[in-house]
N, C-alpha and C. Protein backbone atom coordinates (compact mmCIF):
# COMPACT_ATOMS: atom_id res chain seq x y z
N MET A 1 63.48 -0.15 17.52
CA MET A 1 63.91 -0.18 16.57
C MET A 1 64.59 -1.92 17.72
N SER A 2 64.19 -2.48 16.60
CA SER A 2 65.35 -3.40 17.01
C SER A 2 66.64 -3.68 16.92
N LYS A 3 67.75 -4.74 18.15
CA LYS A 3 68.85 -4.88 17.48
C LYS A 3 69.72 -5.12 16.25
N SER A 4 68.82 -5.72 15.80
CA SER A 4 69.34 -6.43 14.68
C SER A 4 69.16 -5.02 13.35
N ASN A 5 68.38 -3.90 13.62
CA ASN A 5 67.61 -2.77 12.53
C ASN A 5 68.46 -2.16 13.34
N THR A 6 69.20 -2.32 14.32
CA THR A 6 70.12 -1.05 14.88
C THR A 6 71.40 -0.84 13.83
N LYS A 7 72.02 -2.00 13.99
CA LYS A 7 72.94 -2.91 13.20
C LYS A 7 72.67 -2.93 11.84
N LYS A 8 72.14 -3.00 11.70
CA LYS A 8 71.86 -2.74 9.60
C LYS A 8 71.40 -1.33 9.25
N PHE A 9 70.87 -0.66 10.08
CA PHE A 9 71.24 1.13 9.83
C PHE A 9 72.34 2.04 10.36
N ARG A 10 72.92 1.19 10.35
CA ARG A 10 74.78 2.09 11.70
C ARG A 10 74.85 2.82 9.55
N GLY A 11 75.73 3.70 10.09
CA GLY A 11 76.61 4.75 9.07
C GLY A 11 75.12 5.17 7.92
N SER A 12 73.85 4.94 7.92
CA SER A 12 72.90 5.09 7.31
C SER A 12 72.47 6.39 7.62
N ARG A 13 72.10 7.28 7.10
CA ARG A 13 70.97 8.70 7.52
C ARG A 13 69.96 8.58 8.27
N THR A 14 69.06 8.20 7.38
CA THR A 14 67.47 8.06 7.40
C THR A 14 67.32 6.53 7.75
N CYS A 15 67.70 5.50 8.94
CA CYS A 15 67.50 4.61 8.86
C CYS A 15 66.27 4.12 7.87
N GLY A 16 65.73 4.04 6.53
CA GLY A 16 65.35 3.51 5.89
C GLY A 16 63.89 3.98 6.10
N GLY A 17 64.24 5.01 6.42
CA GLY A 17 62.57 6.29 6.29
C GLY A 17 62.64 7.15 4.69
N GLY A 18 63.23 6.49 4.15
CA GLY A 18 63.87 7.14 2.79
C GLY A 18 64.42 8.90 2.43
N THR A 19 63.73 9.55 2.03
CA THR A 19 64.01 11.65 2.04
C THR A 19 64.31 11.68 3.49
N THR A 20 65.21 12.62 4.07
CA THR A 20 64.99 12.90 5.67
C THR A 20 63.36 13.93 5.89
N LYS A 21 62.68 14.00 4.92
CA LYS A 21 61.81 15.30 5.38
C LYS A 21 60.49 14.02 5.58
N ASN A 22 60.93 12.05 4.85
CA ASN A 22 59.67 11.74 5.01
C ASN A 22 59.49 11.55 6.86
N ARG A 23 60.20 11.57 7.82
CA ARG A 23 59.91 10.91 9.33
C ARG A 23 59.51 12.41 9.81
N ARG A 24 59.31 13.56 9.15
CA ARG A 24 58.75 14.66 10.22
C ARG A 24 57.74 14.37 11.17
N GLY A 25 56.76 14.94 10.25
CA GLY A 25 55.60 15.27 11.06
C GLY A 25 54.74 13.99 11.85
N ALA A 26 53.71 13.97 12.26
CA ALA A 26 53.08 12.76 12.78
C ALA A 26 51.89 12.17 11.39
N GLY A 27 51.88 13.14 10.04
CA GLY A 27 51.53 12.32 8.58
C GLY A 27 52.07 11.03 8.71
N ASN A 28 52.98 10.51 8.77
CA ASN A 28 53.83 9.93 8.00
C ASN A 28 53.60 8.53 9.19
N ARG A 29 52.97 8.80 10.53
CA ARG A 29 52.55 7.95 10.80
C ARG A 29 50.95 7.79 10.80
N GLY A 30 50.26 8.41 10.42
CA GLY A 30 48.78 8.39 10.37
C GLY A 30 48.03 8.98 11.39
N GLY A 31 48.90 10.06 11.62
CA GLY A 31 47.82 10.87 13.42
C GLY A 31 48.86 10.05 14.97
N ARG A 32 48.54 11.48 15.13
CA ARG A 32 49.02 11.10 16.46
C ARG A 32 48.14 10.55 17.76
N GLY A 33 48.87 9.43 18.60
CA GLY A 33 48.10 9.02 19.60
C GLY A 33 47.48 7.46 19.24
N ARG A 34 46.23 8.09 19.65
CA ARG A 34 45.25 6.63 19.17
C ARG A 34 44.38 7.38 18.34
N SER A 35 44.47 8.18 16.92
CA SER A 35 44.03 8.62 16.01
C SER A 35 43.30 7.14 15.14
N GLY A 36 42.21 7.33 14.41
CA GLY A 36 42.42 7.04 13.56
C GLY A 36 41.93 5.47 13.83
N GLU A 37 41.19 5.16 14.56
CA GLU A 37 40.91 3.60 15.81
C GLU A 37 39.82 3.14 14.83
N ASN A 38 39.41 3.77 14.54
CA ASN A 38 37.99 3.23 13.51
C ASN A 38 38.05 3.22 11.95
N LYS A 39 39.31 3.60 11.76
CA LYS A 39 39.58 3.45 10.22
C LYS A 39 40.79 2.62 9.89
N HIS A 40 41.71 4.08 9.55
CA HIS A 40 42.91 3.79 8.80
C HIS A 40 44.50 2.74 10.11
N HIS A 41 43.42 3.03 11.05
CA HIS A 41 44.27 2.13 12.50
C HIS A 41 43.51 1.31 12.95
N ALA A 42 42.68 0.66 12.93
CA ALA A 42 41.55 0.18 13.66
C ALA A 42 42.31 -1.60 13.66
N THR A 43 43.51 -2.33 12.70
CA THR A 43 43.36 -3.91 13.38
C THR A 43 44.84 -3.75 14.25
N ARG A 44 45.55 -1.90 14.32
CA ARG A 44 46.15 -1.26 15.81
C ARG A 44 45.16 -1.71 17.24
N ALA A 45 43.88 -1.06 16.87
CA ALA A 45 43.69 -1.31 17.78
C ALA A 45 42.31 -2.21 18.86
N LEU A 46 42.91 -3.12 17.27
CA LEU A 46 41.96 -4.67 18.23
C LEU A 46 43.05 -5.88 18.83
N GLN A 47 44.96 -5.08 17.57
CA GLN A 47 45.23 -6.12 18.50
C GLN A 47 45.70 -5.53 19.98
N LEU A 48 45.56 -4.14 20.66
CA LEU A 48 46.46 -3.28 21.26
C LEU A 48 44.98 -3.65 22.48
N GLY A 49 43.58 -4.27 22.09
CA GLY A 49 42.01 -4.27 23.05
C GLY A 49 41.85 -2.70 23.25
N TYR A 50 41.71 -1.53 22.52
CA TYR A 50 41.40 -0.17 23.01
C TYR A 50 40.21 0.15 21.41
N ARG A 51 39.76 -0.61 20.87
CA ARG A 51 38.42 -0.76 20.36
C ARG A 51 37.31 -0.76 20.96
N ARG A 52 36.50 0.45 20.81
CA ARG A 52 35.36 0.83 20.84
C ARG A 52 34.71 0.91 20.79
N GLY A 53 34.62 1.92 19.48
CA GLY A 53 33.82 2.99 18.80
C GLY A 53 33.99 4.10 19.68
N HIS A 54 33.23 4.87 18.42
CA HIS A 54 32.10 6.29 19.23
C HIS A 54 31.22 6.49 19.82
N GLN A 55 31.00 7.23 21.32
CA GLN A 55 29.77 6.95 21.47
C GLN A 55 29.13 8.32 21.12
N LYS A 56 27.91 7.87 20.14
CA LYS A 56 26.95 9.01 19.71
C LYS A 56 25.64 9.24 20.41
N GLY A 57 25.57 10.17 20.46
CA GLY A 57 24.44 10.33 20.81
C GLY A 57 23.52 9.53 22.20
N PHE A 58 22.28 9.03 22.32
CA PHE A 58 22.08 9.61 23.83
C PHE A 58 20.83 8.15 22.97
N SER A 59 20.90 7.51 24.73
CA SER A 59 20.16 6.38 24.30
C SER A 59 18.88 6.56 25.26
N ARG A 60 17.45 6.42 24.77
CA ARG A 60 16.65 6.89 25.95
C ARG A 60 16.38 5.66 26.62
N PRO A 61 15.67 5.81 27.87
CA PRO A 61 15.58 4.36 28.62
C PRO A 61 14.91 3.91 28.47
N LEU A 62 14.54 2.26 27.83
CA LEU A 62 13.93 1.03 27.62
C LEU A 62 12.11 1.76 28.82
N LYS A 63 12.00 2.50 30.06
CA LYS A 63 11.11 2.02 29.98
C LYS A 63 9.75 3.47 29.67
N SER A 64 10.70 3.91 28.78
CA SER A 64 10.38 5.51 28.25
C SER A 64 9.77 5.18 26.61
N ILE A 65 10.14 4.09 26.32
CA ILE A 65 9.65 3.44 24.92
C ILE A 65 8.13 2.59 24.96
N ARG A 66 7.73 3.15 24.23
CA ARG A 66 6.58 2.60 24.33
C ARG A 66 5.99 2.45 23.22
N ASP A 67 6.00 1.49 22.28
CA ASP A 67 5.82 0.74 20.70
C ASP A 67 3.70 0.80 20.68
N THR A 68 2.95 1.60 20.04
CA THR A 68 2.03 1.61 19.64
C THR A 68 1.88 1.53 18.11
N SER A 69 1.42 0.28 18.57
CA SER A 69 0.68 -0.27 16.78
C SER A 69 -0.39 0.77 16.29
N ILE A 70 -0.49 0.89 15.16
CA ILE A 70 -1.46 1.78 14.45
C ILE A 70 -1.80 1.39 13.21
N VAL A 71 -2.98 2.43 13.16
CA VAL A 71 -3.49 1.98 12.08
C VAL A 71 -4.25 3.84 11.16
N ASN A 72 -4.07 3.31 10.24
CA ASN A 72 -4.58 4.63 9.55
C ASN A 72 -6.08 4.53 9.21
N VAL A 73 -6.79 5.18 8.72
CA VAL A 73 -7.97 5.10 8.82
C VAL A 73 -8.91 4.78 6.78
N GLY A 74 -7.72 5.52 5.77
CA GLY A 74 -7.72 5.02 4.91
C GLY A 74 -7.77 3.49 4.14
N GLU A 75 -6.61 2.45 5.34
CA GLU A 75 -6.82 1.17 5.36
C GLU A 75 -7.67 0.84 6.01
N LEU A 76 -8.36 1.08 6.83
CA LEU A 76 -9.38 0.32 7.68
C LEU A 76 -10.61 0.59 6.75
N ASP A 77 -10.70 2.11 6.10
CA ASP A 77 -11.91 2.09 4.79
C ASP A 77 -11.79 1.29 3.68
N GLU A 78 -10.34 0.55 3.36
CA GLU A 78 -9.93 -0.12 2.32
C GLU A 78 -10.50 -2.24 2.96
N LEU A 79 -10.34 -2.16 4.12
CA LEU A 79 -9.33 -3.59 4.41
C LEU A 79 -11.44 -3.65 4.80
N ALA A 80 -12.68 -3.05 5.14
CA ALA A 80 -13.41 -3.07 5.66
C ALA A 80 -14.58 -4.37 5.39
N ASP A 81 -14.53 -4.44 4.22
CA ASP A 81 -14.63 -5.60 3.84
C ASP A 81 -14.44 -6.91 4.09
N GLN A 82 -12.57 -6.55 4.03
CA GLN A 82 -11.80 -8.32 4.39
C GLN A 82 -12.15 -8.58 5.68
N LEU A 83 -12.41 -7.48 6.03
CA LEU A 83 -12.38 -7.55 8.04
C LEU A 83 -14.00 -8.50 8.67
N VAL A 84 -14.92 -7.86 7.75
CA VAL A 84 -15.83 -8.73 7.44
C VAL A 84 -15.47 -9.89 7.65
N GLU A 85 -15.12 -10.59 6.34
CA GLU A 85 -14.75 -12.23 5.96
C GLU A 85 -14.00 -12.95 6.68
N ASP A 86 -13.31 -12.10 7.17
CA ASP A 86 -12.69 -12.93 8.15
C ASP A 86 -13.11 -13.06 10.02
N GLY A 87 -13.89 -12.33 9.61
CA GLY A 87 -15.19 -12.13 11.09
C GLY A 87 -14.38 -11.65 12.36
N PHE A 88 -13.09 -10.19 11.40
CA PHE A 88 -13.47 -9.25 12.58
C PHE A 88 -14.09 -8.13 12.70
N ALA A 89 -14.81 -8.01 11.71
CA ALA A 89 -15.32 -6.69 11.82
C ALA A 89 -17.56 -7.02 11.84
N GLU A 90 -17.89 -6.48 11.60
CA GLU A 90 -19.57 -6.78 11.18
C GLU A 90 -20.26 -5.94 10.51
N LEU A 91 -20.76 -6.28 9.88
CA LEU A 91 -21.64 -5.45 9.09
C LEU A 91 -23.60 -5.34 9.19
N ASP A 92 -23.67 -3.95 9.63
CA ASP A 92 -25.46 -3.64 10.49
C ASP A 92 -25.66 -3.11 9.19
N GLY A 93 -26.00 -3.11 7.92
CA GLY A 93 -26.75 -1.62 7.21
C GLY A 93 -25.85 -1.66 6.02
N GLU A 94 -25.66 -0.72 6.33
CA GLU A 94 -24.21 0.24 5.71
C GLU A 94 -23.33 0.17 7.17
N VAL A 95 -23.21 0.43 8.29
CA VAL A 95 -22.68 1.19 9.27
C VAL A 95 -21.60 -0.70 9.31
N TYR A 96 -20.35 0.02 9.62
CA TYR A 96 -19.60 -1.09 9.59
C TYR A 96 -19.12 -1.04 11.30
N SER A 97 -18.50 -2.54 11.73
CA SER A 97 -18.28 -1.97 13.25
C SER A 97 -17.14 -2.72 13.28
N ILE A 98 -15.84 -2.34 13.55
CA ILE A 98 -14.94 -2.79 13.86
C ILE A 98 -14.46 -2.68 15.25
N ASP A 99 -13.68 -3.59 15.76
CA ASP A 99 -13.18 -3.45 17.84
C ASP A 99 -11.59 -4.07 17.34
N LEU A 100 -10.92 -2.65 16.92
CA LEU A 100 -9.80 -3.30 16.52
C LEU A 100 -8.65 -3.43 18.22
N ASN A 101 -9.54 -4.02 19.33
CA ASN A 101 -8.39 -4.38 20.78
C ASN A 101 -8.53 -5.36 20.55
N GLY A 102 -9.11 -5.89 19.56
CA GLY A 102 -9.14 -7.62 19.31
C GLY A 102 -8.25 -7.93 17.82
N LEU A 103 -7.75 -7.09 17.84
CA LEU A 103 -6.68 -6.73 16.99
C LEU A 103 -5.46 -6.41 16.90
N GLY A 104 -5.18 -6.08 18.34
CA GLY A 104 -3.99 -5.94 19.01
C GLY A 104 -3.30 -4.58 18.07
N ILE A 105 -4.58 -4.14 17.94
CA ILE A 105 -4.04 -2.29 17.10
C ILE A 105 -4.53 -1.55 18.23
N GLU A 106 -3.72 -0.24 18.71
CA GLU A 106 -4.57 0.63 19.90
C GLU A 106 -4.86 2.26 19.46
N LYS A 107 -3.92 2.87 18.51
CA LYS A 107 -4.31 3.72 18.34
C LYS A 107 -4.69 4.14 16.21
N VAL A 108 -5.44 5.10 16.06
CA VAL A 108 -6.18 5.41 14.55
C VAL A 108 -5.42 6.77 14.14
N LEU A 109 -5.11 6.63 13.16
CA LEU A 109 -4.55 7.86 12.73
C LEU A 109 -5.26 8.67 11.15
N GLY A 110 -5.36 9.90 10.93
CA GLY A 110 -5.66 10.46 10.13
C GLY A 110 -5.64 10.33 8.65
N ALA A 111 -4.48 9.48 7.93
CA ALA A 111 -4.18 9.49 6.29
C ALA A 111 -5.31 8.91 5.66
N GLY A 112 -5.98 8.86 4.76
CA GLY A 112 -6.02 8.86 3.63
C GLY A 112 -8.36 9.15 3.50
N ARG A 113 -8.57 8.41 2.79
CA ARG A 113 -9.77 8.51 2.60
C ARG A 113 -10.77 7.59 3.33
N VAL A 114 -11.84 8.20 3.93
CA VAL A 114 -13.12 7.68 4.35
C VAL A 114 -14.10 7.87 3.58
N SER A 115 -14.54 6.36 2.99
CA SER A 115 -16.20 6.13 2.36
C SER A 115 -17.06 5.58 2.86
N LYS A 116 -16.94 5.11 3.65
CA LYS A 116 -18.24 4.43 4.10
C LYS A 116 -17.45 4.39 5.82
N LYS A 117 -19.29 3.94 6.11
CA LYS A 117 -20.19 4.37 7.64
C LYS A 117 -19.53 3.42 8.44
N LEU A 118 -18.19 4.13 9.85
CA LEU A 118 -17.50 3.14 10.47
C LEU A 118 -17.55 3.29 12.17
N THR A 119 -18.20 2.59 12.58
CA THR A 119 -17.81 2.35 13.92
C THR A 119 -16.53 1.93 14.38
N VAL A 120 -15.79 2.36 14.99
CA VAL A 120 -14.36 1.94 15.59
C VAL A 120 -14.48 1.76 17.09
N THR A 121 -13.72 1.00 16.98
CA THR A 121 -13.61 0.74 18.51
C THR A 121 -11.92 0.60 18.97
N ALA A 122 -11.64 1.80 19.60
CA ALA A 122 -9.80 1.53 19.83
C ALA A 122 -9.58 2.50 21.05
N CYS A 123 -8.35 2.09 21.42
CA CYS A 123 -7.40 2.85 22.31
C CYS A 123 -7.46 4.01 22.77
N GLU A 124 -6.84 4.99 21.22
CA GLU A 124 -6.33 6.34 20.96
C GLU A 124 -6.34 6.29 19.55
N PHE A 125 -7.18 7.72 19.25
CA PHE A 125 -7.59 8.21 18.24
C PHE A 125 -7.01 9.76 18.00
N SER A 126 -6.61 10.15 16.87
CA SER A 126 -5.97 11.18 16.53
C SER A 126 -7.23 11.87 16.33
N ALA A 127 -6.83 13.61 15.86
CA ALA A 127 -8.05 14.51 15.52
C ALA A 127 -8.29 14.55 14.89
N THR A 128 -7.66 13.73 13.41
CA THR A 128 -7.98 14.16 12.22
C THR A 128 -8.70 12.78 11.58
N ALA A 129 -8.10 11.39 12.65
CA ALA A 129 -9.03 10.65 12.07
C ALA A 129 -10.74 10.39 12.66
N ARG A 130 -10.97 11.09 14.23
CA ARG A 130 -12.46 10.99 14.95
C ARG A 130 -12.51 11.79 13.53
N SER A 131 -12.15 12.78 13.38
CA SER A 131 -13.06 14.20 12.29
C SER A 131 -14.02 13.65 10.91
N LYS A 132 -12.87 12.76 10.16
CA LYS A 132 -12.51 11.59 9.37
C LYS A 132 -13.89 11.03 9.44
N ILE A 133 -13.78 10.29 10.83
CA ILE A 133 -14.56 9.07 10.52
C ILE A 133 -16.14 9.77 10.64
N GLU A 134 -16.12 10.53 11.38
CA GLU A 134 -17.67 11.00 11.89
C GLU A 134 -18.13 11.70 11.07
N ASN A 135 -16.99 12.32 10.05
CA ASN A 135 -17.55 13.34 8.99
C ASN A 135 -18.64 12.22 7.62
N ALA A 136 -18.00 11.54 7.74
CA ALA A 136 -18.49 10.10 6.82
C ALA A 136 -19.47 9.87 7.56
N GLY A 137 -20.53 10.06 8.70
CA GLY A 137 -21.21 8.79 9.30
C GLY A 137 -21.08 7.84 9.68
N GLY A 138 -19.90 8.27 10.55
CA GLY A 138 -19.84 7.10 10.73
C GLY A 138 -19.22 7.36 12.97
N SER A 139 -19.13 6.99 14.02
CA SER A 139 -18.40 6.71 15.02
C SER A 139 -17.16 6.61 15.22
N CYS A 140 -16.41 7.43 17.12
CA CYS A 140 -15.30 7.19 17.16
C CYS A 140 -15.85 6.11 18.92
N THR A 141 -15.75 5.47 19.14
CA THR A 141 -16.07 4.78 20.28
C THR A 141 -14.27 4.14 21.19
N GLU A 142 -14.03 4.95 22.67
CA GLU A 142 -13.27 4.17 23.33
C GLU A 142 -13.54 3.62 24.27
N PRO A 143 -12.96 2.07 24.76
CA PRO A 143 -13.15 0.82 26.30
C PRO A 143 -13.08 1.76 26.60
N GLU A 144 -14.02 1.25 27.80
CA GLU A 144 -14.06 1.73 29.31
C GLU A 144 -13.31 1.26 30.67
N GLU A 145 -12.26 1.13 31.25
CA GLU A 145 -11.77 0.46 31.45
C GLU A 145 -11.42 0.50 33.22
C-alpha cells in the first residue's frame, strides 16, 4: 500500500476491503501465485512478461512426418472419363490406364465402388483398393525404382 493510501486508511478497520471476511482467502485475489495466467489474470501475466501458455501434448519430429497424397478408388472410377479428356489417362477399349505418379498422387485407398476396368500405376495401394480394382477386371502396378 502506498504512503498516501496508508494515511487515508488510518483508523479504518478494513482499509477499503469491505467487511472483514472479504480479504481472508485466496479467492479474493483470484487464486494463489501465478494462477489464472491464461484466463482471469492474463493482463497481469502480459505486463509482468511471463505469459507463455500451457505446454500440452507432444510434437512429432518434422523428419518423421511424411505427407502422403492419396486418392480413393471411387474417385478414380468417377473421374476416369474426365482424366481421359484432360490427357492424364488413356482409354484402350474398355480399360482405363491411369498413371497417378504424373499427377503427384502416391497412394490409392479403397473407399468407393469400382465399375470400370482400371489399370492404375501408383507407388502404394491399400489392400482393399487392390482387391476392388482387380475384382472389377483391372490391375495395379507399382513403378520400378
